[in-house]
N, C-alpha and C. Protein backbone atom coordinates (compact mmCIF):
# COMPACT_ATOMS: atom_id res chain seq x y z
N MET A 1 1.00 -1.42 -0.16
CA MET A 1 0.15 0.22 -0.21
C MET A 1 1.24 1.52 0.03
N ARG A 2 1.98 0.87 0.70
CA ARG A 2 2.93 2.29 0.67
C ARG A 2 3.47 2.86 -0.50
N LYS A 3 3.88 1.58 -1.51
CA LYS A 3 4.32 1.78 -2.81
C LYS A 3 3.21 2.24 -3.70
N ARG A 4 2.07 1.99 -3.29
CA ARG A 4 1.26 2.51 -3.92
C ARG A 4 0.74 4.38 -3.74
N PHE A 5 0.89 4.66 -2.45
CA PHE A 5 0.72 6.28 -2.10
C PHE A 5 1.70 6.92 -2.94
N ALA A 6 3.59 6.16 -2.42
CA ALA A 6 4.46 6.68 -3.16
C ALA A 6 4.21 6.96 -5.22
N SER A 7 3.53 5.83 -5.75
CA SER A 7 2.92 6.70 -6.73
C SER A 7 2.57 7.30 -7.18
N LEU A 8 1.21 7.43 -6.36
CA LEU A 8 0.21 8.76 -6.77
C LEU A 8 0.95 10.14 -6.27
N GLN A 9 1.74 9.85 -5.38
CA GLN A 9 2.37 11.42 -5.21
C GLN A 9 3.37 11.76 -5.92
N ASP A 10 4.22 10.69 -6.98
CA ASP A 10 4.85 10.98 -7.67
C ASP A 10 4.20 11.47 -9.14
N ARG A 11 3.12 11.15 -8.88
CA ARG A 11 2.76 11.28 -10.50
C ARG A 11 1.67 13.34 -10.18
N VAL A 12 1.26 13.36 -8.88
CA VAL A 12 0.90 14.46 -8.42
C VAL A 12 2.36 15.51 -8.61
N ARG A 13 3.11 15.43 -7.95
CA ARG A 13 4.68 15.78 -8.16
C ARG A 13 4.76 16.47 -9.68
N GLU A 14 4.73 15.60 -10.47
CA GLU A 14 4.64 15.79 -11.83
C GLU A 14 4.09 16.72 -12.61
N ILE A 15 2.66 16.19 -12.26
CA ILE A 15 1.65 16.99 -13.07
C ILE A 15 1.45 18.55 -12.08
N TRP A 16 1.65 18.67 -10.95
CA TRP A 16 1.00 19.74 -10.52
C TRP A 16 2.48 20.61 -10.29
N PHE A 17 3.89 20.30 -10.12
CA PHE A 17 4.93 21.03 -10.18
C PHE A 17 6.09 20.73 -10.73
N GLY A 18 5.76 19.68 -12.19
CA GLY A 18 6.90 20.06 -13.14
C GLY A 18 8.17 19.27 -12.51
N ASP A 19 9.30 19.76 -13.36
CA ASP A 19 10.71 19.62 -12.94
C ASP A 19 11.29 20.23 -11.75
N ASP A 20 9.98 20.77 -10.74
CA ASP A 20 10.51 21.95 -10.09
C ASP A 20 11.06 20.85 -8.82
N SER A 21 11.80 20.16 -8.80
CA SER A 21 11.91 19.49 -7.53
C SER A 21 13.23 19.80 -6.54
N GLY A 22 13.71 21.13 -6.30
CA GLY A 22 15.04 21.74 -5.74
C GLY A 22 13.83 21.46 -3.74
N PRO A 23 15.31 21.78 -3.50
CA PRO A 23 14.53 22.18 -1.83
C PRO A 23 14.03 23.15 -1.44
N ASP A 24 14.06 24.42 -2.65
CA ASP A 24 13.29 25.31 -2.23
C ASP A 24 11.96 25.21 -3.20
N SER A 25 11.27 24.31 -3.76
CA SER A 25 10.29 24.02 -4.52
C SER A 25 8.68 24.29 -3.62
N LEU A 26 8.12 24.47 -4.34
CA LEU A 26 6.55 24.75 -3.41
C LEU A 26 6.55 23.49 -3.07
N LEU A 27 6.60 22.43 -3.43
CA LEU A 27 6.11 21.10 -3.29
C LEU A 27 7.00 20.49 -2.02
N ALA A 28 8.65 21.02 -1.44
CA ALA A 28 9.14 20.90 -0.54
C ALA A 28 9.07 21.80 0.52
N ARG A 29 8.27 22.70 0.01
CA ARG A 29 8.02 23.54 1.22
C ARG A 29 6.59 23.07 2.23
N SER A 30 5.80 22.31 1.46
CA SER A 30 4.43 21.60 1.78
C SER A 30 4.72 20.65 2.28
N PHE A 31 5.72 20.00 2.84
CA PHE A 31 5.51 19.29 3.89
C PHE A 31 6.73 19.33 4.83
N ARG A 32 6.58 18.93 6.02
CA ARG A 32 7.85 19.01 7.14
C ARG A 32 7.49 17.66 7.52
N ALA A 33 8.85 17.27 8.18
CA ALA A 33 8.61 16.17 9.29
C ALA A 33 8.41 16.39 10.77
N CYS A 34 7.56 14.87 10.47
CA CYS A 34 7.21 14.91 11.81
C CYS A 34 8.35 14.86 13.37
N GLU A 35 7.46 15.11 14.38
CA GLU A 35 8.74 15.63 15.56
C GLU A 35 9.45 14.14 15.98
N ASP A 36 7.93 13.18 15.66
CA ASP A 36 8.48 11.89 16.64
C ASP A 36 8.78 10.74 16.15
N CYS A 37 8.54 10.53 14.73
CA CYS A 37 9.20 9.53 13.93
C CYS A 37 9.46 9.70 12.54
N GLY A 38 9.81 11.12 12.02
CA GLY A 38 10.61 11.41 11.29
C GLY A 38 10.17 11.36 9.85
N GLU A 39 8.98 10.94 9.30
CA GLU A 39 8.17 10.55 8.05
C GLU A 39 7.55 12.08 7.85
N ASN A 40 7.53 12.31 6.28
CA ASN A 40 6.79 13.53 5.83
C ASN A 40 5.50 13.88 6.04
N VAL A 41 5.26 14.99 6.33
CA VAL A 41 3.78 15.24 6.69
C VAL A 41 3.43 16.30 6.29
N TYR A 42 2.06 16.66 5.76
CA TYR A 42 1.62 18.01 5.18
C TYR A 42 1.54 18.98 6.14
N ILE A 43 2.18 20.42 6.16
CA ILE A 43 2.40 21.39 6.93
C ILE A 43 0.95 21.63 7.32
N LEU A 44 -0.26 21.75 6.98
CA LEU A 44 -1.24 21.72 7.82
C LEU A 44 -1.83 20.80 8.25
N ALA A 45 -1.52 19.32 8.51
CA ALA A 45 -1.84 18.02 9.17
C ALA A 45 -1.87 18.48 10.70
N THR A 46 -2.93 17.81 11.31
CA THR A 46 -2.65 18.34 12.47
C THR A 46 -2.20 16.80 13.57
N SER A 47 -2.31 15.92 12.68
CA SER A 47 -1.72 14.70 13.57
C SER A 47 -0.83 13.52 11.96
N CYS A 48 0.02 12.69 12.58
CA CYS A 48 1.07 12.44 11.69
C CYS A 48 0.25 11.20 11.66
N ARG A 49 0.11 10.40 10.12
CA ARG A 49 -0.49 9.63 9.89
C ARG A 49 0.07 8.11 9.91
N GLU A 50 1.44 8.20 10.13
CA GLU A 50 2.60 7.19 10.69
C GLU A 50 2.50 6.78 11.77
N CYS A 51 2.79 7.55 12.49
CA CYS A 51 2.57 7.49 14.54
C CYS A 51 1.50 7.97 14.84
N GLY A 52 0.72 8.77 14.83
CA GLY A 52 -0.70 9.27 15.13
C GLY A 52 -0.24 10.16 15.76
N ALA A 53 1.11 10.79 16.17
CA ALA A 53 1.42 11.94 17.13
C ALA A 53 0.79 13.17 16.29
N GLU A 54 0.60 13.91 17.21
CA GLU A 54 0.02 15.37 17.53
C GLU A 54 0.89 16.49 17.11
N LEU A 55 0.65 17.12 16.02
CA LEU A 55 1.52 18.29 15.31
C LEU A 55 0.72 19.50 15.89
N GLU A 56 1.84 20.32 16.03
CA GLU A 56 1.68 21.56 15.78
C GLU A 56 1.40 22.89 14.90
N LEU A 57 0.84 23.13 14.57
CA LEU A 57 0.48 24.13 13.38
C LEU A 57 1.75 25.18 13.55
N LEU A 58 2.65 25.59 12.65
CA LEU A 58 3.80 26.55 12.40
C LEU A 58 3.15 27.49 12.00
N ALA A 59 3.22 28.91 12.09
CA ALA A 59 3.29 30.13 11.22
C ALA A 59 4.28 30.94 11.10
N SER A 60 4.68 31.63 10.47
CA SER A 60 5.93 31.82 9.58
C SER A 60 5.85 33.31 9.21
């Protein structure tokens, strides 16, 4: 199942973001690492899908 999600994520990345895959790309800025398990989490998520940890919304 994880492989299917990664495949979907790759297709969305290609369609929405094109070849812009650098560290400062919109896609890279849309995710952050979970403080508990290190898994990539969407910036507006309130909890980690992998470990279930509660996440704090960050304002910049």
